[in-house]
Amino acid sequence: MADRPPDTIGGMAFWLLARTSRIRQHPEAAHIAASITRAAARAQRAIDLPPEGLYAGPCGTCGRPLYVRAAAVTVTCARHDPPWSGDVASRREWMLSESVHVLVHAAAADSRLGAPGVRVAHAALIRWGGEGRLA
């Protein structure tokens, strides 16, 4: 078929954009719109996945983001000789005190605000935000 979109995300988006009038008039327009909406939502969820492990803050030397397992006591950045290390509990206290001044989306907040090994539910953050408990 000569009227096929390029096999890239951008190419498909431009192909659809050029045909919005035809799609709007198509008997299956509602189904097409729902399919595109679902695909976009799936892509967004895949892109916005929280990182593996718990965020332990930036390296004290180079600023690189560091992550640890739930039971970790220390965090280490091996980019340095000797490696830089820090205490997870004290870094967590520092991050929480600094987080008062940071604006993040719910996916980042729920991966960073729970106690080590404990996740704050995304729905709870949304509810708390609606109740004015988060600012």
N, C-alpha and C. Protein backbone atom coordinates (compact mmCIF):
# COMPACT_ATOMS: atom_id res chain seq x y z
N MET A 1 0.85 -1.17 0.00
CA MET A 1 0.00 0.00 0.00
C MET A 1 0.90 1.24 0.00
N ALA A 2 0.66 2.15 -0.90
CA ALA A 2 1.51 3.34 -1.06
C ALA A 2 1.27 4.36 0.04
N ASP A 3 0.12 4.32 0.69
CA ASP A 3 -0.23 5.32 1.69
C ASP A 3 0.03 4.82 3.10
N ARG A 4 1.21 4.26 3.33
CA ARG A 4 1.56 3.74 4.66
C ARG A 4 2.49 4.72 5.36
N PRO A 5 2.37 4.81 6.68
CA PRO A 5 3.26 5.72 7.42
C PRO A 5 4.66 5.13 7.53
N PRO A 6 5.66 6.00 7.70
CA PRO A 6 7.01 5.51 7.98
C PRO A 6 6.99 4.72 9.29
N ASP A 7 7.93 3.81 9.44
CA ASP A 7 7.96 2.95 10.62
C ASP A 7 8.76 3.61 11.75
N THR A 8 8.40 4.83 12.08
CA THR A 8 8.99 5.54 13.21
C THR A 8 7.86 6.24 13.96
N ILE A 9 8.07 6.54 15.23
CA ILE A 9 7.04 7.23 16.02
C ILE A 9 6.72 8.59 15.39
N GLY A 10 7.76 9.36 15.09
CA GLY A 10 7.55 10.67 14.49
C GLY A 10 6.87 10.58 13.14
N GLY A 11 7.29 9.62 12.31
CA GLY A 11 6.68 9.44 11.00
C GLY A 11 5.21 9.08 11.09
N MET A 12 4.88 8.20 12.04
CA MET A 12 3.48 7.82 12.24
C MET A 12 2.65 9.00 12.74
N ALA A 13 3.23 9.79 13.65
CA ALA A 13 2.51 10.95 14.18
C ALA A 13 2.21 11.95 13.07
N PHE A 14 3.19 12.24 12.22
CA PHE A 14 2.96 13.16 11.11
C PHE A 14 1.94 12.59 10.12
N TRP A 15 2.02 11.29 9.87
CA TRP A 15 1.08 10.62 8.96
C TRP A 15 -0.35 10.78 9.49
N LEU A 16 -0.55 10.53 10.79
CA LEU A 16 -1.88 10.69 11.39
C LEU A 16 -2.33 12.15 11.37
N LEU A 17 -1.42 13.05 11.69
CA LEU A 17 -1.75 14.48 11.71
C LEU A 17 -2.24 14.97 10.36
N ALA A 18 -1.61 14.48 9.29
CA ALA A 18 -2.00 14.89 7.94
C ALA A 18 -3.36 14.31 7.54
N ARG A 19 -3.86 13.36 8.30
CA ARG A 19 -5.12 12.69 7.94
C ARG A 19 -6.22 12.87 8.99
N THR A 20 -6.12 13.88 9.84
CA THR A 20 -7.10 14.05 10.91
C THR A 20 -8.52 14.23 10.37
N SER A 21 -8.67 14.96 9.27
CA SER A 21 -10.02 15.14 8.71
C SER A 21 -10.60 13.82 8.23
N ARG A 22 -9.80 13.01 7.55
CA ARG A 22 -10.27 11.70 7.07
C ARG A 22 -10.60 10.79 8.25
N ILE A 23 -9.75 10.79 9.27
CA ILE A 23 -9.96 9.93 10.43
C ILE A 23 -11.23 10.35 11.15
N ARG A 24 -11.44 11.66 11.30
CA ARG A 24 -12.63 12.17 11.97
C ARG A 24 -13.91 11.71 11.28
N GLN A 25 -13.87 11.55 9.98
CA GLN A 25 -15.04 11.14 9.20
C GLN A 25 -15.19 9.62 9.10
N HIS A 26 -14.20 8.89 9.49
CA HIS A 26 -14.19 7.42 9.36
C HIS A 26 -15.25 6.80 10.28
N PRO A 27 -15.93 5.74 9.83
CA PRO A 27 -16.94 5.09 10.67
C PRO A 27 -16.37 4.54 11.99
N GLU A 28 -15.10 4.22 12.03
CA GLU A 28 -14.46 3.70 13.23
C GLU A 28 -13.66 4.77 13.96
N ALA A 29 -14.01 6.03 13.81
CA ALA A 29 -13.24 7.15 14.38
C ALA A 29 -13.09 7.01 15.89
N ALA A 30 -14.16 6.64 16.57
CA ALA A 30 -14.09 6.51 18.03
C ALA A 30 -13.10 5.41 18.43
N HIS A 31 -13.14 4.29 17.71
CA HIS A 31 -12.21 3.19 17.98
C HIS A 31 -10.77 3.61 17.70
N ILE A 32 -10.56 4.33 16.60
CA ILE A 32 -9.22 4.80 16.25
C ILE A 32 -8.70 5.74 17.34
N ALA A 33 -9.53 6.69 17.76
CA ALA A 33 -9.12 7.63 18.80
C ALA A 33 -8.81 6.91 20.11
N ALA A 34 -9.63 5.94 20.48
CA ALA A 34 -9.39 5.19 21.72
C ALA A 34 -8.09 4.39 21.62
N SER A 35 -7.81 3.80 20.46
CA SER A 35 -6.58 3.02 20.28
C SER A 35 -5.35 3.90 20.40
N ILE A 36 -5.41 5.08 19.79
CA ILE A 36 -4.28 6.01 19.85
C ILE A 36 -4.08 6.49 21.30
N THR A 37 -5.17 6.79 21.98
CA THR A 37 -5.09 7.24 23.37
C THR A 37 -4.48 6.17 24.26
N ARG A 38 -4.91 4.91 24.09
CA ARG A 38 -4.34 3.80 24.88
C ARG A 38 -2.86 3.62 24.60
N ALA A 39 -2.48 3.69 23.32
CA ALA A 39 -1.07 3.52 22.96
C ALA A 39 -0.22 4.63 23.57
N ALA A 40 -0.72 5.86 23.53
CA ALA A 40 0.03 6.99 24.12
C ALA A 40 0.16 6.82 25.63
N ALA A 41 -0.90 6.35 26.29
CA ALA A 41 -0.85 6.13 27.74
C ALA A 41 0.15 5.03 28.09
N ARG A 42 0.18 3.95 27.31
CA ARG A 42 1.14 2.87 27.55
C ARG A 42 2.57 3.36 27.37
N ALA A 43 2.78 4.17 26.35
CA ALA A 43 4.13 4.71 26.11
C ALA A 43 4.56 5.62 27.26
N GLN A 44 3.64 6.44 27.74
CA GLN A 44 3.98 7.34 28.85
C GLN A 44 4.31 6.54 30.11
N ARG A 45 3.54 5.48 30.41
CA ARG A 45 3.84 4.65 31.58
C ARG A 45 5.20 3.99 31.45
N ALA A 46 5.55 3.55 30.24
CA ALA A 46 6.85 2.90 30.03
C ALA A 46 8.00 3.88 30.21
N ILE A 47 7.80 5.11 29.78
CA ILE A 47 8.85 6.13 29.87
C ILE A 47 9.01 6.61 31.31
N ASP A 48 7.91 6.72 32.05
CA ASP A 48 7.93 7.30 33.39
C ASP A 48 8.10 6.27 34.50
N LEU A 49 8.64 5.09 34.19
CA LEU A 49 8.85 4.09 35.23
C LEU A 49 9.84 4.61 36.27
N PRO A 50 9.58 4.36 37.54
CA PRO A 50 10.55 4.77 38.55
C PRO A 50 11.83 3.93 38.42
N PRO A 51 12.96 4.48 38.80
CA PRO A 51 14.20 3.73 38.68
C PRO A 51 14.22 2.54 39.63
N GLU A 52 15.04 1.55 39.28
CA GLU A 52 15.20 0.38 40.14
C GLU A 52 15.92 0.81 41.42
N GLY A 53 15.55 0.24 42.53
CA GLY A 53 16.19 0.58 43.79
C GLY A 53 15.65 1.87 44.36
N LEU A 54 16.18 2.26 45.49
CA LEU A 54 15.77 3.49 46.16
C LEU A 54 16.78 4.59 45.88
N TYR A 55 16.29 5.76 45.58
CA TYR A 55 17.16 6.90 45.33
C TYR A 55 17.86 7.27 46.64
N ALA A 56 19.18 7.39 46.59
CA ALA A 56 19.96 7.70 47.79
C ALA A 56 20.60 9.08 47.69
N GLY A 57 20.15 9.87 46.74
CA GLY A 57 20.69 11.21 46.58
C GLY A 57 21.87 11.24 45.64
N PRO A 58 22.41 12.44 45.43
CA PRO A 58 23.55 12.58 44.53
C PRO A 58 24.86 12.21 45.23
N CYS A 59 25.83 11.80 44.43
CA CYS A 59 27.18 11.55 44.95
C CYS A 59 27.70 12.84 45.57
N GLY A 60 28.36 12.72 46.71
CA GLY A 60 28.90 13.89 47.39
C GLY A 60 30.07 14.52 46.66
N THR A 61 30.62 13.85 45.65
CA THR A 61 31.75 14.39 44.91
C THR A 61 31.36 14.85 43.51
N CYS A 62 30.71 13.96 42.73
CA CYS A 62 30.43 14.28 41.33
C CYS A 62 28.96 14.64 41.06
N GLY A 63 28.07 14.40 42.02
CA GLY A 63 26.67 14.74 41.84
C GLY A 63 25.85 13.71 41.09
N ARG A 64 26.47 12.61 40.68
CA ARG A 64 25.76 11.56 39.96
C ARG A 64 24.67 10.97 40.85
N PRO A 65 23.43 10.72 40.31
CA PRO A 65 22.38 10.11 41.13
C PRO A 65 22.77 8.70 41.56
N LEU A 66 22.54 8.39 42.83
CA LEU A 66 22.91 7.08 43.37
C LEU A 66 21.66 6.36 43.87
N TYR A 67 21.63 5.05 43.69
CA TYR A 67 20.50 4.21 44.09
C TYR A 67 21.02 3.05 44.93
N VAL A 68 20.19 2.59 45.87
CA VAL A 68 20.56 1.48 46.74
C VAL A 68 19.41 0.50 46.86
N ARG A 69 19.71 -0.69 47.34
CA ARG A 69 18.67 -1.67 47.68
C ARG A 69 18.03 -1.24 49.00
N ALA A 70 16.86 -1.75 49.29
CA ALA A 70 16.08 -1.33 50.45
C ALA A 70 16.85 -1.50 51.77
N ALA A 71 17.63 -2.54 51.92
CA ALA A 71 18.30 -2.81 53.18
C ALA A 71 19.70 -2.18 53.29
N ALA A 72 20.10 -1.40 52.30
CA ALA A 72 21.46 -0.85 52.30
C ALA A 72 21.67 0.14 53.45
N VAL A 73 22.86 0.10 54.02
CA VAL A 73 23.24 1.00 55.10
C VAL A 73 24.11 2.13 54.55
N THR A 74 24.94 1.81 53.55
CA THR A 74 25.79 2.83 52.92
C THR A 74 25.53 2.87 51.42
N VAL A 75 25.85 3.99 50.83
CA VAL A 75 25.77 4.16 49.38
C VAL A 75 27.16 4.54 48.91
N THR A 76 27.55 4.01 47.74
CA THR A 76 28.90 4.23 47.24
C THR A 76 28.87 4.64 45.78
N CYS A 77 29.70 5.60 45.44
CA CYS A 77 29.92 5.97 44.04
C CYS A 77 31.32 5.51 43.68
N ALA A 78 31.41 4.52 42.80
CA ALA A 78 32.70 3.92 42.46
C ALA A 78 33.44 4.69 41.36
N ARG A 79 32.93 5.84 40.96
CA ARG A 79 33.59 6.63 39.91
C ARG A 79 34.88 7.29 40.41
N HIS A 80 35.12 7.22 41.69
CA HIS A 80 36.25 7.95 42.27
C HIS A 80 37.27 6.98 42.86
N ASP A 81 38.51 7.45 42.99
CA ASP A 81 39.56 6.65 43.61
C ASP A 81 40.16 7.45 44.75
N PRO A 82 39.85 7.13 45.97
CA PRO A 82 39.01 6.02 46.44
C PRO A 82 37.52 6.33 46.22
N PRO A 83 36.68 5.29 46.21
CA PRO A 83 35.24 5.50 46.02
C PRO A 83 34.65 6.39 47.10
N TRP A 84 33.66 7.19 46.73
CA TRP A 84 32.95 8.03 47.69
C TRP A 84 31.85 7.20 48.34
N SER A 85 31.67 7.29 49.67
CA SER A 85 30.62 6.56 50.37
C SER A 85 29.89 7.50 51.32
N GLY A 86 28.61 7.18 51.57
CA GLY A 86 27.82 7.96 52.50
C GLY A 86 26.84 7.07 53.24
N ASP A 87 26.38 7.53 54.38
CA ASP A 87 25.41 6.81 55.20
C ASP A 87 24.00 7.04 54.63
N VAL A 88 23.28 5.97 54.30
CA VAL A 88 21.96 6.08 53.68
C VAL A 88 20.98 6.82 54.59
N ALA A 89 20.96 6.51 55.88
CA ALA A 89 19.99 7.13 56.80
C ALA A 89 20.21 8.64 56.89
N SER A 90 21.45 9.08 57.03
CA SER A 90 21.69 10.52 57.14
C SER A 90 21.43 11.23 55.81
N ARG A 91 21.73 10.57 54.70
CA ARG A 91 21.44 11.17 53.39
C ARG A 91 19.93 11.28 53.19
N ARG A 92 19.19 10.28 53.66
CA ARG A 92 17.73 10.31 53.55
C ARG A 92 17.17 11.48 54.36
N GLU A 93 17.64 11.68 55.57
CA GLU A 93 17.19 12.81 56.40
C GLU A 93 17.49 14.13 55.69
N TRP A 94 18.68 14.25 55.12
CA TRP A 94 19.04 15.46 54.40
C TRP A 94 18.12 15.68 53.21
N MET A 95 17.86 14.61 52.42
CA MET A 95 16.98 14.75 51.25
C MET A 95 15.57 15.16 51.64
N LEU A 96 15.05 14.57 52.72
CA LEU A 96 13.70 14.94 53.15
C LEU A 96 13.64 16.39 53.59
N SER A 97 14.67 16.88 54.27
CA SER A 97 14.67 18.29 54.68
C SER A 97 14.78 19.20 53.46
N GLU A 98 15.51 18.79 52.45
CA GLU A 98 15.66 19.58 51.23
C GLU A 98 14.44 19.48 50.32
N SER A 99 13.67 18.39 50.43
CA SER A 99 12.54 18.16 49.51
C SER A 99 11.41 19.15 49.70
N VAL A 100 11.41 19.89 50.79
CA VAL A 100 10.38 20.91 51.02
C VAL A 100 10.41 21.93 49.88
N HIS A 101 11.55 22.14 49.26
CA HIS A 101 11.72 23.16 48.25
C HIS A 101 11.73 22.59 46.82
N VAL A 102 11.36 21.33 46.64
CA VAL A 102 11.46 20.69 45.34
C VAL A 102 10.08 20.31 44.83
N LEU A 103 9.80 20.65 43.57
CA LEU A 103 8.55 20.29 42.92
C LEU A 103 8.81 19.11 42.00
N VAL A 104 8.12 17.98 42.23
CA VAL A 104 8.28 16.80 41.39
C VAL A 104 6.91 16.23 41.06
N HIS A 105 6.86 15.41 39.99
CA HIS A 105 5.61 14.73 39.66
C HIS A 105 5.43 13.54 40.59
N ALA A 106 4.21 13.03 40.66
CA ALA A 106 3.87 11.98 41.63
C ALA A 106 4.73 10.73 41.47
N ALA A 107 5.08 10.34 40.25
CA ALA A 107 5.88 9.12 40.07
C ALA A 107 7.25 9.26 40.73
N ALA A 108 7.84 10.44 40.65
CA ALA A 108 9.13 10.65 41.32
C ALA A 108 8.95 10.70 42.82
N ALA A 109 7.89 11.33 43.28
CA ALA A 109 7.66 11.45 44.72
C ALA A 109 7.40 10.09 45.34
N ASP A 110 6.57 9.26 44.71
CA ASP A 110 6.25 7.98 45.35
C ASP A 110 7.45 7.04 45.37
N SER A 111 8.43 7.25 44.51
CA SER A 111 9.62 6.40 44.55
C SER A 111 10.65 6.91 45.54
N ARG A 112 10.48 8.15 46.03
CA ARG A 112 11.50 8.74 46.90
C ARG A 112 11.02 9.05 48.31
N LEU A 113 9.72 9.14 48.54
CA LEU A 113 9.23 9.58 49.84
C LEU A 113 8.97 8.45 50.83
N GLY A 114 8.79 7.24 50.36
CA GLY A 114 8.54 6.14 51.28
C GLY A 114 9.77 5.82 52.10
N ALA A 115 9.56 5.19 53.23
CA ALA A 115 10.70 4.72 54.01
C ALA A 115 11.41 3.64 53.21
N PRO A 116 12.68 3.39 53.46
CA PRO A 116 13.37 2.35 52.70
C PRO A 116 12.59 1.05 52.70
N GLY A 117 12.30 0.56 51.51
CA GLY A 117 11.55 -0.67 51.36
C GLY A 117 10.04 -0.48 51.41
N VAL A 118 9.58 0.73 51.66
CA VAL A 118 8.14 1.01 51.73
C VAL A 118 7.80 2.02 50.65
N ARG A 119 6.81 1.70 49.82
CA ARG A 119 6.41 2.60 48.74
C ARG A 119 5.20 3.42 49.19
N VAL A 120 5.18 4.68 48.82
CA VAL A 120 4.01 5.52 49.04
C VAL A 120 3.15 5.34 47.79
N ALA A 121 1.91 4.95 47.97
CA ALA A 121 1.03 4.69 46.83
C ALA A 121 0.79 5.97 46.03
N HIS A 122 0.85 5.83 44.73
CA HIS A 122 0.61 6.94 43.82
C HIS A 122 -0.76 7.57 44.12
N ALA A 123 -1.76 6.74 44.34
CA ALA A 123 -3.11 7.24 44.63
C ALA A 123 -3.14 8.07 45.91
N ALA A 124 -2.34 7.68 46.90
CA ALA A 124 -2.28 8.44 48.15
C ALA A 124 -1.71 9.83 47.90
N LEU A 125 -0.68 9.91 47.07
CA LEU A 125 -0.09 11.22 46.76
C LEU A 125 -1.10 12.11 46.05
N ILE A 126 -1.84 11.53 45.10
CA ILE A 126 -2.85 12.30 44.38
C ILE A 126 -3.92 12.79 45.37
N ARG A 127 -4.36 11.90 46.25
CA ARG A 127 -5.39 12.27 47.24
C ARG A 127 -4.87 13.37 48.17
N TRP A 128 -3.65 13.20 48.69
CA TRP A 128 -3.07 14.19 49.60
C TRP A 128 -2.92 15.54 48.90
N GLY A 129 -2.53 15.50 47.62
CA GLY A 129 -2.41 16.76 46.87
C GLY A 129 -3.76 17.45 46.74
N GLY A 130 -4.81 16.66 46.46
CA GLY A 130 -6.16 17.23 46.35
C GLY A 130 -6.67 17.78 47.66
N GLU A 131 -6.22 17.20 48.76
CA GLU A 131 -6.63 17.66 50.09
C GLU A 131 -5.78 18.82 50.58
N GLY A 132 -4.80 19.24 49.79
CA GLY A 132 -3.95 20.35 50.19
C GLY A 132 -2.88 19.97 51.19
N ARG A 133 -2.66 18.66 51.37
CA ARG A 133 -1.67 18.22 52.36
C ARG A 133 -0.25 18.24 51.79
N LEU A 134 -0.14 18.39 50.47
CA LEU A 134 1.17 18.51 49.83
C LEU A 134 1.22 19.89 49.17
N ALA A 135 2.31 20.55 49.31
CA ALA A 135 2.41 21.89 48.70
C ALA A 135 3.69 22.01 47.91
